[in-house]
């Protein structure tokens, strides 16, 4: 996605399928995400150090899992936990 004006928003070689993470805000600090204080918006969840959703393998698995489904926030977060658990083995 070298033509994207934000690339690389996280790291070189990332999969940009999920420019906007479907799990935002996951509130899981193990991803590298954390709360940041911003003057204009107050406290917001920052994903700047999260590489998880931009891994090529993960991006494809997530797409296959949610493609065509209208999942609730709770269902999305449950799916994310299952995917992470499966990765850990």
C-alpha atoms as a PDB file:
ATOM      1  CA  UNK A   1       0.000   0.000   0.000  1.00  0.00           C
ATOM      2  CA  UNK A   2       2.844   2.373  -0.799  1.00  0.00           C
ATOM      3  CA  UNK A   3       0.328   4.763  -2.398  1.00  0.00           C
ATOM      4  CA  UNK A   4      -1.381   5.309   0.982  1.00  0.00           C
ATOM      5  CA  UNK A   5      -0.452   8.682   2.473  1.00  0.00           C
ATOM      6  CA  UNK A   6      -0.393   7.075   5.937  1.00  0.00           C
ATOM      7  CA  UNK A   7       1.894   4.157   4.989  1.00  0.00           C
ATOM      8  CA  UNK A   8       3.652   2.911   6.935  1.00  0.00           C
ATOM      9  CA  UNK A   9       1.270   3.777   9.747  1.00  0.00           C
ATOM     10  CA  UNK A  10       2.656   0.933  11.870  1.00  0.00           C
ATOM     11  CA  UNK A  11       5.534  -0.912  10.234  1.00  0.00           C
ATOM     12  CA  UNK A  12       6.977  -1.705   6.792  1.00  0.00           C
ATOM     13  CA  UNK A  13       5.513  -4.794   5.170  1.00  0.00           C
ATOM     14  CA  UNK A  14       2.233  -4.718   7.038  1.00  0.00           C
ATOM     15  CA  UNK A  15      -0.963  -6.073   5.527  1.00  0.00           C
ATOM     16  CA  UNK A  16      -3.274  -3.071   5.110  1.00  0.00           C
ATOM     17  CA  UNK A  17      -6.468  -5.080   4.592  1.00  0.00           C
ATOM     18  CA  UNK A  18      -7.687  -3.727   7.934  1.00  0.00           C
ATOM     19  CA  UNK A  19      -6.854  -0.053   7.696  1.00  0.00           C
ATOM     20  CA  UNK A  20      -9.485   0.382  10.385  1.00  0.00           C
ATOM     21  CA  UNK A  21      -9.373  -2.484  12.860  1.00  0.00           C
ATOM     22  CA  UNK A  22     -12.754  -4.215  13.265  1.00  0.00           C
ATOM     23  CA  UNK A  23     -11.875  -4.865  16.917  1.00  0.00           C
ATOM     24  CA  UNK A  24     -11.208  -1.218  17.833  1.00  0.00           C
ATOM     25  CA  UNK A  25     -10.992  -0.577  20.675  1.00  0.00           C
ATOM     26  CA  UNK A  26     -10.025  -4.044  21.887  1.00  0.00           C
ATOM     27  CA  UNK A  27      -8.614  -2.582  25.123  1.00  0.00           C
ATOM     28  CA  UNK A  28      -6.050  -5.397  25.205  1.00  0.00           C
ATOM     29  CA  UNK A  29      -2.681  -3.981  26.225  1.00  0.00           C
ATOM     30  CA  UNK A  30      -0.924  -7.244  25.288  1.00  0.00           C
ATOM     31  CA  UNK A  31      -1.208  -6.069  21.655  1.00  0.00           C
ATOM     32  CA  UNK A  32       0.909  -2.999  22.349  1.00  0.00           C
ATOM     33  CA  UNK A  33      -2.181  -0.800  22.469  1.00  0.00           C
ATOM     34  CA  UNK A  34      -2.608   1.674  25.295  1.00  0.00           C
ATOM     35  CA  UNK A  35      -4.622   4.650  26.413  1.00  0.00           C
ATOM     36  CA  UNK A  36      -3.258   8.045  25.414  1.00  0.00           C
ATOM     37  CA  UNK A  37      -4.333  11.459  26.606  1.00  0.00           C
ATOM     38  CA  UNK A  38      -5.224  13.858  23.798  1.00  0.00           C
ATOM     39  CA  UNK A  39      -6.127  17.464  24.456  1.00  0.00           C
ATOM     40  CA  UNK A  40      -8.916  17.645  21.900  1.00  0.00           C
ATOM     41  CA  UNK A  41     -10.453  14.203  22.568  1.00  0.00           C
ATOM     42  CA  UNK A  42      -9.464  13.303  26.095  1.00  0.00           C
ATOM     43  CA  UNK A  43      -8.361   9.748  26.775  1.00  0.00           C
ATOM     44  CA  UNK A  44      -8.401   7.511  23.671  1.00  0.00           C
ATOM     45  CA  UNK A  45      -7.255   3.989  22.876  1.00  0.00           C
ATOM     46  CA  UNK A  46      -4.119   4.022  20.725  1.00  0.00           C
ATOM     47  CA  UNK A  47      -3.178   1.063  18.500  1.00  0.00           C
ATOM     48  CA  UNK A  48       0.098   2.558  17.305  1.00  0.00           C
ATOM     49  CA  UNK A  49       2.209  -0.331  18.624  1.00  0.00           C
ATOM     50  CA  UNK A  50      -0.212  -3.124  17.677  1.00  0.00           C
ATOM     51  CA  UNK A  51       0.974  -5.256  14.770  1.00  0.00           C
ATOM     52  CA  UNK A  52      -1.460  -8.146  15.280  1.00  0.00           C
ATOM     53  CA  UNK A  53      -4.209  -7.229  12.790  1.00  0.00           C
ATOM     54  CA  UNK A  54      -1.611  -6.233  10.167  1.00  0.00           C
ATOM     55  CA  UNK A  55       0.079  -9.636  10.059  1.00  0.00           C
ATOM     56  CA  UNK A  56      -0.760 -11.148   6.656  1.00  0.00           C
ATOM     57  CA  UNK A  57      -1.909 -14.480   8.126  1.00  0.00           C
ATOM     58  CA  UNK A  58      -4.048 -12.866  10.822  1.00  0.00           C
ATOM     59  CA  UNK A  59      -5.640 -10.381   8.400  1.00  0.00           C
ATOM     60  CA  UNK A  60      -6.770 -13.222   6.135  1.00  0.00           C
ATOM     61  CA  UNK A  61      -8.129 -15.362   8.967  1.00  0.00           C
ATOM     62  CA  UNK A  62     -10.096 -12.408  10.360  1.00  0.00           C
ATOM     63  CA  UNK A  63     -11.523 -11.587   6.925  1.00  0.00           C
ATOM     64  CA  UNK A  64     -12.646 -15.187   6.413  1.00  0.00           C
ATOM     65  CA  UNK A  65     -14.201 -15.290   9.886  1.00  0.00           C
ATOM     66  CA  UNK A  66     -16.273 -12.119   9.563  1.00  0.00           C
ATOM     67  CA  UNK A  67     -16.848 -11.842   5.803  1.00  0.00           C
ATOM     68  CA  UNK A  68     -20.525 -11.210   5.123  1.00  0.00           C
ATOM     69  CA  UNK A  69     -21.489 -11.336   8.794  1.00  0.00           C
ATOM     70  CA  UNK A  70     -22.925  -8.486  10.789  1.00  0.00           C
ATOM     71  CA  UNK A  71     -21.304  -9.263  14.138  1.00  0.00           C
ATOM     72  CA  UNK A  72     -21.989  -7.301  17.304  1.00  0.00           C
ATOM     73  CA  UNK A  73     -19.119  -5.702  19.215  1.00  0.00           C
ATOM     74  CA  UNK A  74     -19.313  -8.498  21.799  1.00  0.00           C
ATOM     75  CA  UNK A  75     -19.148 -11.160  19.066  1.00  0.00           C
ATOM     76  CA  UNK A  76     -16.171  -9.446  17.454  1.00  0.00           C
ATOM     77  CA  UNK A  77     -14.244  -9.313  20.727  1.00  0.00           C
ATOM     78  CA  UNK A  78     -15.089 -12.968  21.438  1.00  0.00           C
ATOM     79  CA  UNK A  79     -13.795 -13.867  17.969  1.00  0.00           C
ATOM     80  CA  UNK A  80     -10.604 -11.930  18.597  1.00  0.00           C
ATOM     81  CA  UNK A  81      -9.984 -13.778  21.867  1.00  0.00           C
ATOM     82  CA  UNK A  82     -10.491 -17.109  20.097  1.00  0.00           C
ATOM     83  CA  UNK A  83      -8.070 -16.155  17.314  1.00  0.00           C
ATOM     84  CA  UNK A  84      -5.406 -15.059  19.791  1.00  0.00           C
ATOM     85  CA  UNK A  85      -5.884 -18.224  21.844  1.00  0.00           C
ATOM     86  CA  UNK A  86      -5.515 -20.359  18.678  1.00  0.00           C
ATOM     87  CA  UNK A  87      -2.298 -18.524  17.749  1.00  0.00           C
ATOM     88  CA  UNK A  88      -0.821 -19.196  21.171  1.00  0.00           C
ATOM     89  CA  UNK A  89      -1.420 -22.873  20.589  1.00  0.00           C
END
